[in-house]
Amino acid sequence: MTSVTLAPTLSPNEAACVTGVPLKQVHRIIDAGLLDAAASGGKRSRTVRREGLLGLKLAHETTDMLTLAGRRRLVRYLLKHPRARAARVRDVSVDLRTMKGEVSEGLSTLARARDAVVRDQAVLSGVPCIKGTRIPVHDIADMLANGDSAEAISEAYPQLSEAQIELAVFYARAYPRRGRPRREPFWRARQPSESSETSLDDALPAR
């Protein structure tokens, strides 16, 4: 069982990972005021309260089903009835049991990811690393993003289990690397160019 206790509020990145809602949609739902008091902050310091996570997922899942006003009423019903199995507004009813299970699993995965990662100033100046190693979690996530397979990562780091790799990627999504992103390696960024050489036949004047 994990020893990590999650805070009562989550960042947009954390909320996106837990609920499976794309980060852009998380911001749009907050901006639209669909979560009411369950979300707060300006553009640079937004937070989502844990009780608003299910409402966040509900608002996203019903995007193509209801109008903005209808989604707002549905989320407000949910916030007032957090134990409800379904959100009901007029003649609309949405079963919440699957969503609740997914949000619960997302919170559990976030807690396990946080428990699997350590930040120690004595190790790589505090860069988040997989516990018990000096392997930065963001390097693992970058390898997958650059096309490396999980099998290739396992061969490169045989001390890592498949679960550790998955948790490292989840952690990197929830807590992106701060500062400017690293530039791509030269060999990845370089584009092939056409040769500027001219053949001998082309160089000779026509007779």
N, C-alpha and C. Protein backbone atom coordinates (compact mmCIF):
# COMPACT_ATOMS: atom_id res chain seq x y z
N MET A 1 0.85 -1.20 0.00
CA MET A 1 0.00 0.00 0.00
C MET A 1 0.87 1.24 0.00
N THR A 2 0.53 2.25 -0.80
CA THR A 2 1.36 3.43 -0.92
C THR A 2 1.35 4.28 0.33
N SER A 3 2.50 4.96 0.58
CA SER A 3 2.62 5.81 1.76
C SER A 3 2.38 7.26 1.43
N VAL A 4 2.07 7.57 0.17
CA VAL A 4 1.89 8.95 -0.26
C VAL A 4 0.45 9.39 -0.03
N THR A 5 0.31 10.58 0.55
CA THR A 5 -1.01 11.18 0.74
C THR A 5 -1.14 12.35 -0.23
N LEU A 6 -2.15 12.30 -1.08
CA LEU A 6 -2.33 13.35 -2.07
C LEU A 6 -2.97 14.58 -1.44
N ALA A 7 -2.61 15.73 -1.96
CA ALA A 7 -3.14 16.99 -1.47
C ALA A 7 -4.62 17.12 -1.84
N PRO A 8 -5.37 17.96 -1.12
CA PRO A 8 -6.79 18.13 -1.43
C PRO A 8 -7.04 18.84 -2.76
N THR A 9 -6.03 19.52 -3.28
CA THR A 9 -6.15 20.17 -4.58
C THR A 9 -5.10 19.65 -5.52
N LEU A 10 -5.43 19.61 -6.81
CA LEU A 10 -4.51 19.11 -7.82
C LEU A 10 -4.26 20.17 -8.87
N SER A 11 -3.11 20.12 -9.49
CA SER A 11 -2.81 21.01 -10.60
C SER A 11 -3.55 20.53 -11.84
N PRO A 12 -3.68 21.37 -12.87
CA PRO A 12 -4.33 20.92 -14.10
C PRO A 12 -3.65 19.69 -14.70
N ASN A 13 -2.32 19.62 -14.64
CA ASN A 13 -1.61 18.45 -15.17
C ASN A 13 -1.97 17.19 -14.38
N GLU A 14 -2.00 17.31 -13.06
CA GLU A 14 -2.38 16.17 -12.24
C GLU A 14 -3.82 15.74 -12.54
N ALA A 15 -4.71 16.73 -12.62
CA ALA A 15 -6.12 16.43 -12.89
C ALA A 15 -6.29 15.75 -14.24
N ALA A 16 -5.52 16.19 -15.24
CA ALA A 16 -5.61 15.59 -16.56
C ALA A 16 -5.17 14.13 -16.52
N CYS A 17 -4.10 13.84 -15.80
CA CYS A 17 -3.61 12.46 -15.71
C CYS A 17 -4.60 11.57 -14.96
N VAL A 18 -5.15 12.09 -13.89
CA VAL A 18 -6.06 11.29 -13.06
C VAL A 18 -7.35 10.98 -13.80
N THR A 19 -7.91 11.96 -14.50
CA THR A 19 -9.21 11.79 -15.14
C THR A 19 -9.16 11.31 -16.58
N GLY A 20 -7.99 11.45 -17.22
CA GLY A 20 -7.90 11.10 -18.63
C GLY A 20 -8.44 12.18 -19.54
N VAL A 21 -8.75 13.35 -18.99
CA VAL A 21 -9.22 14.48 -19.79
C VAL A 21 -8.01 15.22 -20.35
N PRO A 22 -7.96 15.49 -21.66
CA PRO A 22 -6.82 16.22 -22.22
C PRO A 22 -6.60 17.55 -21.49
N LEU A 23 -5.34 17.92 -21.34
CA LEU A 23 -4.99 19.11 -20.57
C LEU A 23 -5.69 20.36 -21.11
N LYS A 24 -5.75 20.53 -22.43
CA LYS A 24 -6.42 21.70 -23.00
C LYS A 24 -7.89 21.74 -22.59
N GLN A 25 -8.53 20.57 -22.54
CA GLN A 25 -9.93 20.53 -22.14
C GLN A 25 -10.09 20.83 -20.65
N VAL A 26 -9.11 20.43 -19.85
CA VAL A 26 -9.16 20.77 -18.42
C VAL A 26 -9.21 22.28 -18.26
N HIS A 27 -8.33 22.98 -18.96
CA HIS A 27 -8.30 24.44 -18.87
C HIS A 27 -9.61 25.05 -19.39
N ARG A 28 -10.12 24.52 -20.48
CA ARG A 28 -11.36 25.06 -21.05
C ARG A 28 -12.54 24.87 -20.11
N ILE A 29 -12.60 23.72 -19.46
CA ILE A 29 -13.70 23.45 -18.53
C ILE A 29 -13.61 24.38 -17.33
N ILE A 30 -12.40 24.61 -16.85
CA ILE A 30 -12.22 25.54 -15.73
C ILE A 30 -12.60 26.95 -16.16
N ASP A 31 -12.13 27.36 -17.35
CA ASP A 31 -12.43 28.71 -17.85
C ASP A 31 -13.93 28.93 -18.02
N ALA A 32 -14.63 27.87 -18.40
CA ALA A 32 -16.08 27.99 -18.62
C ALA A 32 -16.86 28.03 -17.31
N GLY A 33 -16.16 27.83 -16.19
CA GLY A 33 -16.82 27.88 -14.88
C GLY A 33 -17.68 26.68 -14.58
N LEU A 34 -17.44 25.55 -15.27
CA LEU A 34 -18.29 24.38 -15.08
C LEU A 34 -18.07 23.72 -13.72
N LEU A 35 -16.93 23.94 -13.10
CA LEU A 35 -16.65 23.28 -11.83
C LEU A 35 -16.97 24.15 -10.62
N ASP A 36 -17.45 25.35 -10.87
CA ASP A 36 -17.81 26.27 -9.78
C ASP A 36 -16.65 26.39 -8.77
N ALA A 37 -16.95 26.23 -7.49
CA ALA A 37 -15.95 26.40 -6.44
C ALA A 37 -14.98 25.22 -6.36
N ALA A 38 -15.22 24.17 -7.14
CA ALA A 38 -14.32 23.02 -7.11
C ALA A 38 -13.04 23.28 -7.90
N ALA A 39 -12.97 24.44 -8.55
CA ALA A 39 -11.75 24.85 -9.25
C ALA A 39 -11.50 26.31 -8.94
N SER A 40 -10.24 26.69 -8.91
CA SER A 40 -9.91 28.08 -8.58
C SER A 40 -8.59 28.47 -9.20
N GLY A 41 -8.29 29.77 -9.10
CA GLY A 41 -7.00 30.28 -9.55
C GLY A 41 -7.06 30.91 -10.92
N GLY A 42 -5.98 31.67 -11.22
CA GLY A 42 -5.86 32.31 -12.53
C GLY A 42 -5.20 31.38 -13.52
N LYS A 43 -4.77 31.95 -14.63
CA LYS A 43 -4.21 31.14 -15.70
C LYS A 43 -2.92 30.44 -15.28
N ARG A 44 -2.18 31.03 -14.35
CA ARG A 44 -0.89 30.47 -13.96
C ARG A 44 -0.95 29.67 -12.66
N SER A 45 -2.07 29.70 -11.98
CA SER A 45 -2.13 29.02 -10.69
C SER A 45 -3.46 28.31 -10.49
N ARG A 46 -3.93 27.65 -11.52
CA ARG A 46 -5.20 26.96 -11.42
C ARG A 46 -5.07 25.69 -10.58
N THR A 47 -6.14 25.37 -9.89
CA THR A 47 -6.19 24.12 -9.12
C THR A 47 -7.59 23.52 -9.26
N VAL A 48 -7.65 22.21 -9.09
CA VAL A 48 -8.92 21.49 -9.10
C VAL A 48 -9.00 20.71 -7.80
N ARG A 49 -10.07 20.91 -7.04
CA ARG A 49 -10.24 20.17 -5.81
C ARG A 49 -10.58 18.72 -6.12
N ARG A 50 -10.22 17.83 -5.21
CA ARG A 50 -10.44 16.41 -5.47
C ARG A 50 -11.91 16.11 -5.71
N GLU A 51 -12.80 16.81 -5.01
CA GLU A 51 -14.22 16.56 -5.22
C GLU A 51 -14.71 17.06 -6.58
N GLY A 52 -13.87 17.82 -7.28
CA GLY A 52 -14.25 18.30 -8.60
C GLY A 52 -13.75 17.44 -9.74
N LEU A 53 -12.96 16.41 -9.43
CA LEU A 53 -12.38 15.57 -10.48
C LEU A 53 -13.46 14.82 -11.27
N LEU A 54 -14.42 14.28 -10.56
CA LEU A 54 -15.50 13.55 -11.25
C LEU A 54 -16.32 14.51 -12.10
N GLY A 55 -16.56 15.72 -11.59
CA GLY A 55 -17.27 16.72 -12.37
C GLY A 55 -16.50 17.10 -13.62
N LEU A 56 -15.18 17.17 -13.50
CA LEU A 56 -14.32 17.47 -14.64
C LEU A 56 -14.48 16.39 -15.71
N LYS A 57 -14.45 15.15 -15.30
CA LYS A 57 -14.60 14.05 -16.26
C LYS A 57 -16.00 14.03 -16.85
N LEU A 58 -17.00 14.28 -16.02
CA LEU A 58 -18.38 14.32 -16.50
C LEU A 58 -18.57 15.42 -17.53
N ALA A 59 -18.02 16.60 -17.27
CA ALA A 59 -18.15 17.72 -18.21
C ALA A 59 -17.51 17.38 -19.54
N HIS A 60 -16.39 16.67 -19.49
CA HIS A 60 -15.70 16.30 -20.74
C HIS A 60 -16.46 15.22 -21.49
N GLU A 61 -16.93 14.21 -20.77
CA GLU A 61 -17.60 13.07 -21.41
C GLU A 61 -18.92 13.47 -22.05
N THR A 62 -19.54 14.54 -21.58
CA THR A 62 -20.85 14.95 -22.11
C THR A 62 -20.74 16.13 -23.08
N THR A 63 -19.53 16.43 -23.53
CA THR A 63 -19.33 17.57 -24.43
C THR A 63 -20.20 17.48 -25.67
N ASP A 64 -20.25 16.30 -26.28
CA ASP A 64 -21.00 16.13 -27.52
C ASP A 64 -22.48 15.79 -27.29
N MET A 65 -22.87 15.66 -26.04
CA MET A 65 -24.24 15.27 -25.72
C MET A 65 -25.11 16.45 -25.30
N LEU A 66 -24.52 17.41 -24.58
CA LEU A 66 -25.29 18.49 -23.98
C LEU A 66 -24.72 19.86 -24.31
N THR A 67 -25.55 20.86 -24.16
CA THR A 67 -25.08 22.24 -24.31
C THR A 67 -24.24 22.60 -23.09
N LEU A 68 -23.59 23.75 -23.19
CA LEU A 68 -22.77 24.22 -22.06
C LEU A 68 -23.62 24.38 -20.81
N ALA A 69 -24.82 24.95 -20.98
CA ALA A 69 -25.72 25.13 -19.83
C ALA A 69 -26.15 23.79 -19.25
N GLY A 70 -26.42 22.82 -20.11
CA GLY A 70 -26.83 21.50 -19.64
C GLY A 70 -25.71 20.80 -18.88
N ARG A 71 -24.50 20.93 -19.38
CA ARG A 71 -23.35 20.33 -18.68
C ARG A 71 -23.14 21.00 -17.34
N ARG A 72 -23.33 22.32 -17.28
CA ARG A 72 -23.15 23.04 -16.01
C ARG A 72 -24.17 22.55 -14.98
N ARG A 73 -25.41 22.36 -15.39
CA ARG A 73 -26.43 21.88 -14.46
C ARG A 73 -26.11 20.47 -13.99
N LEU A 74 -25.62 19.66 -14.90
CA LEU A 74 -25.29 18.28 -14.56
C LEU A 74 -24.15 18.22 -13.54
N VAL A 75 -23.13 19.03 -13.76
CA VAL A 75 -21.98 19.05 -12.83
C VAL A 75 -22.40 19.61 -11.47
N ARG A 76 -23.25 20.62 -11.48
CA ARG A 76 -23.71 21.18 -10.20
C ARG A 76 -24.51 20.15 -9.42
N TYR A 77 -25.31 19.36 -10.12
CA TYR A 77 -26.04 18.29 -9.43
C TYR A 77 -25.05 17.32 -8.78
N LEU A 78 -24.02 16.97 -9.52
CA LEU A 78 -23.03 16.04 -9.01
C LEU A 78 -22.32 16.61 -7.78
N LEU A 79 -21.94 17.88 -7.84
CA LEU A 79 -21.23 18.49 -6.72
C LEU A 79 -22.11 18.55 -5.46
N LYS A 80 -23.42 18.67 -5.67
CA LYS A 80 -24.33 18.69 -4.53
C LYS A 80 -24.65 17.28 -4.03
N HIS A 81 -24.49 16.29 -4.91
CA HIS A 81 -24.80 14.90 -4.55
C HIS A 81 -23.60 14.01 -4.89
N PRO A 82 -22.48 14.17 -4.17
CA PRO A 82 -21.25 13.43 -4.51
C PRO A 82 -21.36 11.92 -4.42
N ARG A 83 -22.34 11.40 -3.67
CA ARG A 83 -22.50 9.96 -3.54
C ARG A 83 -23.46 9.37 -4.56
N ALA A 84 -24.02 10.22 -5.39
CA ALA A 84 -25.00 9.75 -6.37
C ALA A 84 -24.36 8.79 -7.37
N ARG A 85 -25.13 7.80 -7.78
CA ARG A 85 -24.64 6.86 -8.79
C ARG A 85 -24.86 7.39 -10.20
N ALA A 86 -25.77 8.37 -10.30
CA ALA A 86 -26.06 8.97 -11.59
C ALA A 86 -26.32 10.45 -11.40
N ALA A 87 -25.93 11.25 -12.41
CA ALA A 87 -26.21 12.68 -12.39
C ALA A 87 -27.47 12.90 -13.21
N ARG A 88 -28.44 13.60 -12.62
CA ARG A 88 -29.73 13.76 -13.28
C ARG A 88 -30.11 15.23 -13.38
N VAL A 89 -30.54 15.60 -14.56
CA VAL A 89 -31.07 16.95 -14.80
C VAL A 89 -32.22 16.81 -15.79
N ARG A 90 -33.42 17.15 -15.32
CA ARG A 90 -34.62 17.04 -16.15
C ARG A 90 -34.74 15.62 -16.70
N ASP A 91 -34.68 15.48 -18.03
CA ASP A 91 -34.86 14.15 -18.61
C ASP A 91 -33.53 13.51 -18.99
N VAL A 92 -32.44 14.06 -18.46
CA VAL A 92 -31.10 13.52 -18.76
C VAL A 92 -30.54 12.85 -17.52
N SER A 93 -30.03 11.64 -17.68
CA SER A 93 -29.40 10.91 -16.58
C SER A 93 -28.11 10.26 -17.09
N VAL A 94 -27.02 10.48 -16.38
CA VAL A 94 -25.73 9.93 -16.78
C VAL A 94 -25.21 9.04 -15.67
N ASP A 95 -24.96 7.78 -15.99
CA ASP A 95 -24.43 6.82 -15.02
C ASP A 95 -22.99 7.21 -14.67
N LEU A 96 -22.71 7.31 -13.39
CA LEU A 96 -21.40 7.78 -12.93
C LEU A 96 -20.49 6.67 -12.45
N ARG A 97 -20.98 5.45 -12.37
CA ARG A 97 -20.21 4.39 -11.72
C ARG A 97 -18.89 4.12 -12.44
N THR A 98 -18.90 4.05 -13.76
CA THR A 98 -17.66 3.80 -14.50
C THR A 98 -16.69 4.96 -14.33
N MET A 99 -17.20 6.18 -14.42
CA MET A 99 -16.35 7.36 -14.26
C MET A 99 -15.71 7.40 -12.87
N LYS A 100 -16.51 7.07 -11.85
CA LYS A 100 -15.98 7.06 -10.49
C LYS A 100 -14.84 6.05 -10.36
N GLY A 101 -15.02 4.90 -10.97
CA GLY A 101 -13.98 3.88 -10.93
C GLY A 101 -12.71 4.34 -11.61
N GLU A 102 -12.86 5.03 -12.75
CA GLU A 102 -11.69 5.50 -13.49
C GLU A 102 -10.96 6.61 -12.74
N VAL A 103 -11.72 7.51 -12.12
CA VAL A 103 -11.09 8.58 -11.33
C VAL A 103 -10.38 7.99 -10.12
N SER A 104 -11.01 7.03 -9.46
CA SER A 104 -10.39 6.38 -8.31
C SER A 104 -9.09 5.69 -8.70
N GLU A 105 -9.11 5.00 -9.84
CA GLU A 105 -7.91 4.33 -10.33
C GLU A 105 -6.83 5.36 -10.68
N GLY A 106 -7.25 6.48 -11.27
CA GLY A 106 -6.29 7.53 -11.61
C GLY A 106 -5.61 8.12 -10.38
N LEU A 107 -6.38 8.33 -9.32
CA LEU A 107 -5.81 8.84 -8.07
C LEU A 107 -4.84 7.82 -7.48
N SER A 108 -5.20 6.56 -7.55
CA SER A 108 -4.32 5.51 -7.04
C SER A 108 -3.01 5.45 -7.82
N THR A 109 -3.11 5.58 -9.15
CA THR A 109 -1.90 5.55 -9.98
C THR A 109 -1.02 6.75 -9.70
N LEU A 110 -1.63 7.92 -9.51
CA LEU A 110 -0.85 9.11 -9.18
C LEU A 110 -0.12 8.93 -7.86
N ALA A 111 -0.79 8.37 -6.87
CA ALA A 111 -0.15 8.14 -5.57
C ALA A 111 1.01 7.15 -5.71
N ARG A 112 0.82 6.09 -6.49
CA ARG A 112 1.88 5.11 -6.68
C ARG A 112 3.05 5.70 -7.46
N ALA A 113 2.75 6.57 -8.43
CA ALA A 113 3.81 7.21 -9.20
C ALA A 113 4.64 8.13 -8.30
N ARG A 114 3.98 8.88 -7.46
CA ARG A 114 4.69 9.76 -6.53
C ARG A 114 5.53 8.95 -5.54
N ASP A 115 5.01 7.80 -5.14
CA ASP A 115 5.73 6.95 -4.20
C ASP A 115 6.94 6.29 -4.86
N ALA A 116 6.89 6.11 -6.19
CA ALA A 116 7.97 5.44 -6.91
C ALA A 116 9.09 6.38 -7.33
N VAL A 117 8.91 7.66 -7.07
CA VAL A 117 9.88 8.68 -7.50
C VAL A 117 10.41 9.44 -6.30
N VAL A 118 11.69 9.75 -6.33
CA VAL A 118 12.30 10.53 -5.25
C VAL A 118 13.01 11.74 -5.84
N ARG A 119 13.08 12.80 -5.03
CA ARG A 119 13.84 14.00 -5.38
C ARG A 119 14.80 14.27 -4.24
N ASP A 120 16.08 14.14 -4.53
CA ASP A 120 17.11 14.27 -3.51
C ASP A 120 18.19 15.20 -4.06
N GLN A 121 18.47 16.28 -3.34
CA GLN A 121 19.47 17.23 -3.80
C GLN A 121 20.85 16.58 -3.93
N ALA A 122 21.06 15.48 -3.24
CA ALA A 122 22.34 14.79 -3.32
C ALA A 122 22.43 13.89 -4.56
N VAL A 123 21.31 13.71 -5.23
CA VAL A 123 21.28 12.87 -6.44
C VAL A 123 20.85 13.72 -7.62
N LEU A 124 21.77 13.99 -8.53
CA LEU A 124 21.49 14.79 -9.74
C LEU A 124 20.82 16.12 -9.41
N SER A 125 21.23 16.72 -8.29
CA SER A 125 20.75 18.05 -7.90
C SER A 125 19.23 18.12 -7.75
N GLY A 126 18.64 17.04 -7.31
CA GLY A 126 17.21 17.06 -7.04
C GLY A 126 16.32 16.71 -8.22
N VAL A 127 16.91 16.25 -9.32
CA VAL A 127 16.10 15.84 -10.47
C VAL A 127 15.26 14.62 -10.07
N PRO A 128 13.95 14.59 -10.38
CA PRO A 128 13.13 13.42 -10.02
C PRO A 128 13.67 12.14 -10.65
N CYS A 129 13.98 11.17 -9.81
CA CYS A 129 14.53 9.90 -10.28
C CYS A 129 13.68 8.74 -9.75
N ILE A 130 13.72 7.63 -10.47
CA ILE A 130 13.04 6.43 -10.01
C ILE A 130 13.71 5.97 -8.72
N LYS A 131 12.91 5.68 -7.73
CA LYS A 131 13.42 5.34 -6.40
C LYS A 131 14.44 4.20 -6.48
N GLY A 132 15.57 4.40 -5.78
CA GLY A 132 16.61 3.38 -5.75
C GLY A 132 17.56 3.43 -6.92
N THR A 133 17.38 4.41 -7.82
CA THR A 133 18.25 4.54 -8.99
C THR A 133 18.66 6.00 -9.17
N ARG A 134 19.49 6.23 -10.17
CA ARG A 134 19.85 7.59 -10.58
C ARG A 134 19.28 7.86 -11.97
N ILE A 135 18.16 7.22 -12.28
CA ILE A 135 17.55 7.34 -13.61
C ILE A 135 16.44 8.38 -13.57
N PRO A 136 16.60 9.52 -14.25
CA PRO A 136 15.56 10.56 -14.26
C PRO A 136 14.27 10.07 -14.94
N VAL A 137 13.15 10.34 -14.32
CA VAL A 137 11.87 9.89 -14.89
C VAL A 137 11.59 10.56 -16.22
N HIS A 138 11.98 11.81 -16.37
CA HIS A 138 11.69 12.51 -17.62
C HIS A 138 12.52 11.96 -18.78
N ASP A 139 13.69 11.40 -18.48
CA ASP A 139 14.49 10.78 -19.54
C ASP A 139 13.78 9.53 -20.07
N ILE A 140 13.15 8.77 -19.18
CA ILE A 140 12.40 7.59 -19.60
C ILE A 140 11.21 8.01 -20.47
N ALA A 141 10.50 9.04 -20.03
CA ALA A 141 9.35 9.53 -20.80
C ALA A 141 9.80 10.06 -22.16
N ASP A 142 10.95 10.74 -22.20
CA ASP A 142 11.46 11.27 -23.47
C ASP A 142 11.82 10.14 -24.43
N MET A 143 12.39 9.07 -23.90
CA MET A 143 12.75 7.94 -24.75
C MET A 143 11.52 7.36 -25.44
N LEU A 144 10.44 7.20 -24.69
CA LEU A 144 9.20 6.68 -25.28
C LEU A 144 8.63 7.67 -26.29
N ALA A 145 8.68 8.96 -25.95
CA ALA A 145 8.15 9.99 -26.85
C ALA A 145 8.95 10.05 -28.14
N ASN A 146 10.23 9.70 -28.08
CA ASN A 146 11.09 9.75 -29.27
C ASN A 146 11.04 8.47 -30.08
N GLY A 147 10.17 7.53 -29.69
CA GLY A 147 9.99 6.34 -30.49
C GLY A 147 10.60 5.07 -29.95
N ASP A 148 11.31 5.15 -28.82
CA ASP A 148 11.89 3.94 -28.24
C ASP A 148 10.77 3.09 -27.62
N SER A 149 10.87 1.81 -27.74
CA SER A 149 9.86 0.91 -27.18
C SER A 149 10.16 0.62 -25.72
N ALA A 150 9.15 0.13 -25.01
CA ALA A 150 9.35 -0.25 -23.61
C ALA A 150 10.38 -1.36 -23.51
N GLU A 151 10.42 -2.25 -24.52
CA GLU A 151 11.40 -3.33 -24.52
C GLU A 151 12.81 -2.78 -24.63
N ALA A 152 12.99 -1.75 -25.47
CA ALA A 152 14.32 -1.15 -25.63
C ALA A 152 14.77 -0.47 -24.34
N ILE A 153 13.81 0.16 -23.65
CA ILE A 153 14.14 0.80 -22.38
C ILE A 153 14.52 -0.25 -21.34
N SER A 154 13.81 -1.36 -21.34
CA SER A 154 14.12 -2.44 -20.40
C SER A 154 15.50 -3.01 -20.65
N GLU A 155 15.90 -3.07 -21.93
CA GLU A 155 17.24 -3.57 -22.26
C GLU A 155 18.30 -2.56 -21.82
N ALA A 156 17.98 -1.26 -21.97
CA ALA A 156 18.94 -0.23 -21.59
C ALA A 156 19.05 -0.11 -20.07
N TYR A 157 17.92 -0.35 -19.38
CA TYR A 157 17.90 -0.26 -17.91
C TYR A 157 17.28 -1.54 -17.35
N PRO A 158 18.02 -2.62 -17.34
CA PRO A 158 17.47 -3.91 -16.88
C PRO A 158 17.03 -3.92 -15.43
N GLN A 159 17.48 -2.92 -14.64
CA GLN A 159 17.08 -2.87 -13.24
C GLN A 159 15.66 -2.34 -13.06
N LEU A 160 15.06 -1.82 -14.14
CA LEU A 160 13.71 -1.28 -14.06
C LEU A 160 12.68 -2.33 -14.45
N SER A 161 11.59 -2.36 -13.70
CA SER A 161 10.48 -3.24 -14.04
C SER A 161 9.53 -2.50 -15.00
N GLU A 162 8.65 -3.26 -15.62
CA GLU A 162 7.66 -2.64 -16.51
C GLU A 162 6.78 -1.67 -15.74
N ALA A 163 6.44 -2.02 -14.50
CA ALA A 163 5.61 -1.14 -13.68
C ALA A 163 6.33 0.17 -13.38
N GLN A 164 7.63 0.11 -13.11
CA GLN A 164 8.39 1.34 -12.83
C GLN A 164 8.44 2.25 -14.05
N ILE A 165 8.57 1.65 -15.22
CA ILE A 165 8.60 2.45 -16.45
C ILE A 165 7.26 3.15 -16.65
N GLU A 166 6.16 2.41 -16.45
CA GLU A 166 4.83 2.99 -16.62
C GLU A 166 4.59 4.12 -15.62
N LEU A 167 5.02 3.92 -14.37
CA LEU A 167 4.82 4.94 -13.34
C LEU A 167 5.70 6.16 -13.62
N ALA A 168 6.89 5.93 -14.17
CA ALA A 168 7.77 7.05 -14.52
C ALA A 168 7.13 7.93 -15.58
N VAL A 169 6.52 7.29 -16.58
CA VAL A 169 5.87 8.06 -17.65
C VAL A 169 4.67 8.81 -17.10
N PHE A 170 3.89 8.18 -16.23
CA PHE A 170 2.73 8.83 -15.62
C PHE A 170 3.19 10.04 -14.80
N TYR A 171 4.25 9.87 -14.02
CA TYR A 171 4.77 10.96 -13.19
C TYR A 171 5.23 12.13 -14.08
N ALA A 172 5.92 11.82 -15.16
CA ALA A 172 6.42 12.86 -16.05
C ALA A 172 5.29 13.66 -16.68
N ARG A 173 4.16 13.00 -16.95
CA ARG A 173 2.99 13.71 -17.49
C ARG A 173 2.35 14.59 -16.44
N ALA A 174 2.29 14.09 -15.21
CA ALA A 174 1.66 14.86 -14.14
C ALA A 174 2.53 16.01 -13.68
N TYR A 175 3.85 15.85 -13.80
CA TYR A 175 4.80 16.87 -13.35
C TYR A 175 5.83 17.11 -14.44
N PRO A 176 5.45 17.89 -15.46
CA PRO A 176 6.37 18.15 -16.58
C PRO A 176 7.67 18.78 -16.12
N ARG A 177 8.71 18.54 -16.88
CA ARG A 177 10.01 19.14 -16.58
C ARG A 177 9.91 20.66 -16.64
N ARG A 178 10.46 21.31 -15.66
CA ARG A 178 10.41 22.77 -15.61
C ARG A 178 11.49 23.37 -16.50
N GLY A 179 11.26 24.61 -16.89
CA GLY A 179 12.24 25.30 -17.73
C GLY A 179 12.05 24.96 -19.18
N ARG A 180 12.98 25.41 -19.99
CA ARG A 180 12.89 25.16 -21.43
C ARG A 180 13.11 23.69 -21.73
N PRO A 181 12.33 23.16 -22.66
CA PRO A 181 12.53 21.76 -23.03
C PRO A 181 13.89 21.55 -23.67
N ARG A 182 14.46 20.37 -23.47
CA ARG A 182 15.74 20.07 -24.08
C ARG A 182 15.61 20.06 -25.59
N ARG A 183 16.67 20.53 -26.25
CA ARG A 183 16.66 20.48 -27.71
C ARG A 183 16.84 19.03 -28.17
N GLU A 184 16.30 18.75 -29.32
CA GLU A 184 16.47 17.41 -29.85
C GLU A 184 17.93 17.17 -30.18
N PRO A 185 18.40 15.93 -30.05
CA PRO A 185 19.76 15.63 -30.44
C PRO A 185 20.00 16.04 -31.88
N PHE A 186 21.23 16.38 -32.19
CA PHE A 186 21.56 16.87 -33.52
C PHE A 186 21.13 15.89 -34.60
N TRP A 187 21.36 14.58 -34.33
CA TRP A 187 21.04 13.60 -35.36
C TRP A 187 19.55 13.46 -35.59
N ARG A 188 18.70 13.85 -34.59
CA ARG A 188 17.25 13.79 -34.78
C ARG A 188 16.75 15.01 -35.53
N ALA A 189 17.37 16.16 -35.27
CA ALA A 189 16.88 17.41 -35.84
C ALA A 189 17.39 17.65 -37.26
N ARG A 190 18.49 17.03 -37.60
CA ARG A 190 19.11 17.30 -38.89
C ARG A 190 18.27 16.76 -40.03
N GLN A 191 18.07 17.58 -41.05
CA GLN A 191 17.32 17.17 -42.23
C GLN A 191 18.29 16.91 -43.38
N PRO A 192 18.03 15.87 -44.17
CA PRO A 192 18.92 15.60 -45.32
C PRO A 192 18.85 16.75 -46.32
N SER A 193 19.98 17.08 -46.90
CA SER A 193 20.02 18.17 -47.87
C SER A 193 20.53 17.64 -49.20
N GLU A 194 20.11 18.29 -50.25
CA GLU A 194 20.53 17.88 -51.58
C GLU A 194 21.98 18.31 -51.82
N SER A 195 22.69 17.48 -52.54
CA SER A 195 24.08 17.80 -52.83
C SER A 195 24.16 18.96 -53.80
N SER A 196 25.17 19.84 -53.56
CA SER A 196 25.36 20.99 -54.45
C SER A 196 26.44 20.71 -55.48
N GLU A 197 26.98 19.47 -55.52
CA GLU A 197 28.03 19.13 -56.46
C GLU A 197 27.47 19.06 -57.88
N THR A 198 28.27 19.40 -58.84
CA THR A 198 27.88 19.36 -60.24
C THR A 198 28.69 18.29 -60.94
N SER A 199 28.05 17.51 -61.76
CA SER A 199 28.77 16.44 -62.46
C SER A 199 29.71 17.04 -63.48
N LEU A 200 30.72 16.24 -63.89
CA LEU A 200 31.71 16.71 -64.85
C LEU A 200 31.08 17.03 -66.19
N ASP A 201 30.10 16.20 -66.59
CA ASP A 201 29.44 16.44 -67.88
C ASP A 201 28.69 17.76 -67.88
N ASP A 202 28.05 18.09 -66.74
CA ASP A 202 27.30 19.35 -66.68
C ASP A 202 28.24 20.53 -66.66
N ALA A 203 29.45 20.34 -66.15
CA ALA A 203 30.37 21.46 -66.03
C ALA A 203 31.04 21.80 -67.33
N LEU A 204 31.18 20.82 -68.24
CA LEU A 204 31.86 21.07 -69.50
C LEU A 204 30.98 21.82 -70.48
N PRO A 205 31.49 22.75 -71.21
CA PRO A 205 30.66 23.51 -72.17
C PRO A 205 30.21 22.61 -73.30
N ALA A 206 29.04 22.87 -73.83
CA ALA A 206 28.50 22.07 -74.92
C ALA A 206 29.31 22.31 -76.18
N ARG A 207 29.53 21.27 -76.98
CA ARG A 207 30.27 21.39 -78.23
C ARG A 207 29.33 21.38 -79.43
